[in-house]
Protein backbone atom coordinates (compact mmCIF):
# COMPACT_ATOMS: atom_id res chain seq x y z
CA HIS A 1 0.90 15.15 -11.48
CA ILE A 2 3.46 14.86 -8.70
CA ILE A 3 3.20 12.04 -6.19
CA PHE A 4 5.28 12.72 -3.09
CA VAL A 5 5.76 9.52 -1.06
CA THR A 6 6.84 9.74 2.55
CA ASP A 7 6.83 7.71 5.73
CA ILE A 8 4.47 8.67 8.57
CA HIS A 9 7.35 8.60 11.07
CA LYS A 10 9.83 10.53 8.93
CA MET A 11 7.57 13.08 7.29
CA PHE A 12 9.34 16.43 7.38
CA ASN A 13 11.63 15.38 10.22
CA SER A 14 14.63 15.93 7.95
CA ASN A 15 15.68 19.07 6.11
CA GLU A 16 16.13 17.05 2.91
CA GLU A 17 12.50 15.96 2.91
CA LYS A 18 11.26 19.48 3.63
CA GLU A 19 13.49 20.88 0.87
CA LEU A 20 12.27 18.29 -1.61
CA PHE A 21 8.65 19.04 -0.79
CA GLU A 22 9.30 22.78 -1.11
CA LEU A 23 10.98 22.13 -4.47
CA PHE A 24 7.78 20.46 -5.71
CA ILE A 25 5.68 23.37 -4.47
CA ASN A 26 8.01 25.94 -6.04
CA THR A 27 8.23 24.02 -9.32
CA ARG A 28 4.47 23.96 -9.54
CA ALA A 29 4.25 27.69 -8.79
CA GLU A 30 6.94 28.58 -11.36
CA SER A 31 5.41 26.46 -14.11
CA ASN A 32 2.33 28.69 -14.37
CA LYS A 33 0.35 25.49 -14.84
CA HIS A 34 -1.84 23.68 -12.42
CA ILE A 35 0.03 20.53 -11.46
CA ASP A 36 -1.74 18.23 -9.05
CA ILE A 37 0.27 17.11 -6.06
CA THR A 38 -0.62 14.05 -4.03
CA VAL A 39 1.21 13.33 -0.79
CA LEU A 40 1.20 9.64 -0.03
CA ILE A 41 1.84 9.03 3.68
CA ASN A 42 3.03 5.43 3.90
CA LYS A 43 3.43 2.99 6.80
CA VAL A 44 0.05 3.74 8.33
CA ASP A 45 -0.37 0.03 9.02
CA ASP A 46 -2.73 -0.08 11.96
CA LEU A 47 -5.02 2.92 11.86
CA ASP A 48 -7.95 2.50 14.20
CA ASP A 49 -10.45 5.21 15.06
CA ASP A 50 -9.17 5.14 18.64
CA ASP A 51 -5.46 5.35 17.73
CA LYS A 52 -5.04 8.95 18.81
CA GLU A 53 -1.25 9.02 18.33
CA VAL A 54 -1.38 8.06 14.64
CA ILE A 55 -4.42 10.28 14.03
CA ASN A 56 -2.56 13.23 15.60
CA ILE A 57 0.55 12.58 13.47
CA ILE A 58 -1.59 12.51 10.31
CA LYS A 59 -3.32 15.73 11.40
CA GLU A 60 0.06 17.42 12.01
CA ILE A 61 1.28 16.35 8.57
CA LYS A 62 -1.92 17.60 6.93
CA ASP A 63 -1.65 20.93 8.76
CA PHE A 64 1.99 21.29 7.70
CA ILE A 65 1.13 20.58 4.05
CA LYS A 66 -1.89 22.91 4.08
CA ASN A 67 0.42 25.76 5.18
CA TYR A 68 1.98 25.52 1.73
CA ASP A 69 -1.14 24.91 -0.32
CA ASP A 70 -4.77 23.93 0.27
CA ASP A 71 -4.97 22.15 -3.07
CA ILE A 72 -2.77 19.16 -2.22
CA HIS A 73 -4.32 15.71 -2.02
CA ILE A 74 -3.24 13.67 0.99
CA ILE A 75 -3.63 9.91 1.24
CA HIS A 76 -2.42 7.75 4.11
CA ILE A 77 -1.71 4.17 3.08
CA SER A 78 -0.18 0.91 4.15
CA ALA A 79 1.68 -0.10 1.00
CA GLU A 80 3.08 -3.17 2.76
CA ILE A 81 -0.35 -4.53 3.67
CA ALA A 82 -1.65 -3.84 0.16
CA TYR A 83 1.40 -5.53 -1.32
CA ILE A 84 1.04 -8.61 0.88
CA TYR A 85 -2.67 -9.04 0.07
CA ARG A 86 -2.19 -8.43 -3.65
CA THR A 87 0.87 -10.66 -3.97
CA LEU A 88 -0.32 -13.56 -1.86
CA GLY A 89 -3.76 -13.46 -3.46
CA ILE A 90 -2.44 -14.93 -6.72
CA LEU A 91 -0.92 -18.03 -5.14
CA LYS A 92 -2.37 -21.53 -5.02
CA LEU A 93 -2.60 -23.08 -1.53
CA GLU A 94 0.52 -25.23 -1.96
CA GLU A 95 2.56 -22.23 -3.16
CA PHE A 96 1.03 -20.15 -0.40
CA LYS A 97 2.35 -22.57 2.23
CA SER A 98 5.92 -21.71 1.21
CA VAL A 99 5.45 -18.00 1.98
CA GLU A 100 7.57 -16.66 4.82
CA ASN A 101 5.87 -16.90 8.21
CA LYS A 102 6.38 -13.16 8.91
CA PHE A 103 3.87 -12.25 6.15
CA ILE A 104 1.34 -14.78 7.38
CA ASN A 105 1.76 -13.46 10.94
CA LYS A 106 1.35 -9.86 9.80
CA ILE A 107 -2.04 -10.67 8.28
CA GLY A 108 -3.12 -13.20 10.91
CA LYS A 109 -2.51 -10.98 13.93
CA ARG A 110 -4.47 -8.17 12.25
CA GLU A 111 -7.38 -10.46 11.40
CA PHE A 112 -7.66 -12.64 14.49
CA GLY A 113 -5.93 -10.76 17.30
CA ARG A 114 -2.70 -11.77 18.98
CA TYR A 115 -4.16 -14.22 21.50
CA THR A 116 -6.37 -16.16 19.12
CA TRP A 117 -3.52 -16.21 16.61
CA LYS A 118 -1.08 -17.70 19.14
CA ARG A 119 -3.45 -20.61 19.81
CA MET A 120 -3.58 -21.69 16.16
CA THR A 121 -1.29 -24.29 14.66
CA ILE A 122 0.97 -23.30 11.77
CA ASN A 123 -1.28 -25.20 9.36
CA GLN A 124 -4.41 -23.45 10.69
CA ARG A 125 -2.69 -20.07 10.34
CA TYR A 126 -1.83 -20.63 6.69
CA GLN A 127 -5.31 -21.95 5.90
CA GLU A 128 -7.08 -19.07 7.64
CA VAL A 129 -4.95 -16.36 6.02
CA TYR A 130 -5.29 -18.07 2.63
CA TYR A 131 -9.07 -18.03 3.06
CA ILE A 132 -9.13 -14.34 4.00
CA ILE A 133 -6.90 -13.26 1.13
CA ASN A 134 -8.93 -15.28 -1.37
CA ASN A 135 -12.32 -14.12 -0.12
CA ILE A 136 -13.15 -11.31 -2.57
CA ASP A 137 -15.34 -9.35 -0.13
CA ARG A 138 -12.74 -9.41 2.63
CA TYR A 139 -9.95 -8.69 0.14
CA ASN A 140 -11.79 -5.60 -1.17
CA GLU A 141 -12.52 -4.45 2.37
CA ARG A 142 -8.82 -4.73 3.28
CA MET A 143 -7.75 -2.82 0.16
CA LYS A 144 -10.16 -0.08 1.19
CA ASP A 145 -8.95 -0.19 4.83
CA CYS A 146 -5.31 0.35 3.85
CA ASN A 147 -6.38 3.09 1.38
CA PHE A 148 -4.96 1.28 -1.62
CA CYS A 149 -8.19 2.05 -3.50
CA LYS A 150 -7.63 5.80 -3.09
CA PHE A 151 -4.07 5.46 -4.31
CA GLN A 152 -5.28 3.39 -7.25
CA GLU A 153 -7.70 6.20 -8.18
CA VAL A 154 -4.77 8.64 -8.33
CA ILE A 155 -2.72 6.25 -10.46
CA ASN A 156 -5.68 5.69 -12.78
CA LYS A 157 -6.06 9.45 -13.16
CA VAL A 158 -2.34 9.93 -13.87
CA VAL A 159 -2.06 6.96 -16.25
CA GLY A 160 -5.42 7.69 -17.82
CA GLY A 161 -7.59 5.01 -16.29
CA ASN A 162 -5.85 2.16 -18.10
CA GLN A 163 -3.60 1.06 -15.26
CA ASP A 164 -5.09 -2.42 -14.95
CA LYS A 165 -4.81 -3.08 -18.69
CA LEU A 166 -1.24 -1.73 -18.85
CA LEU A 167 -0.16 -3.84 -15.88
CA SER A 168 -1.90 -6.93 -17.25
CA ASN A 169 -0.13 -6.51 -20.59
CA GLN A 170 3.24 -6.09 -18.86
CA ILE A 171 2.69 -9.18 -16.72
CA GLU A 172 1.56 -11.22 -19.73
CA TYR A 173 4.63 -10.12 -21.70
CA LYS A 174 6.99 -10.98 -18.83
CA MET A 175 5.31 -14.33 -18.22
CA LYS A 176 5.93 -15.29 -21.85
CA ASP A 177 9.63 -14.64 -21.31
CA MET A 178 9.79 -16.72 -18.14
CA GLU A 179 10.40 -20.44 -18.29
CA TYR A 180 7.33 -22.27 -17.01
CA ASP A 181 7.82 -23.38 -13.43
CA THR A 182 5.15 -24.38 -10.96
CA ASN A 183 6.96 -22.48 -8.21
CA ILE A 184 5.71 -18.93 -8.86
CA ILE A 185 7.59 -17.57 -5.83
CA LYS A 186 10.90 -18.66 -7.33
CA ASN A 187 9.99 -16.94 -10.62
CA LEU A 188 9.03 -13.70 -8.91
CA GLU A 189 12.36 -13.41 -7.11
């Protein structure tokens, strides 16, 4: 399985990216085997049904890819949003309050809108974002919204469906090597 990761704003705007994509297509054709290809279009952070510009860019990318092969899976994702939700979701409130404001703002503006967000105090902002990230229903909805779930399905298929267990084992192993410290952010750096 080949996973080709690109940026929505840079996709095939450079010869290098086009050549690399063509190399994947040609390698698959020359191998005489069926090799799945998934194109992961990243940085699709704010996709709304009425965002015609982003929808048109995604359509152009899909049309370009389909010119090469109809059997290529295409997923648009916001890896940054998925990363923020997944990373911040493991923190306790006190640890959470030491997270950089830019991450809290990224989530808060998406969830509450710019004007409501501006009216909140810093403490309210942290509490509200902490609540959202730790609410399992909202968390799952956000993972679905940023298409992380679709990407996870591809990874599970490639790894064999044991991704969660493999990652858990790796984290457990690394945690045993780390000196215990209540400041998890410091340990993750």
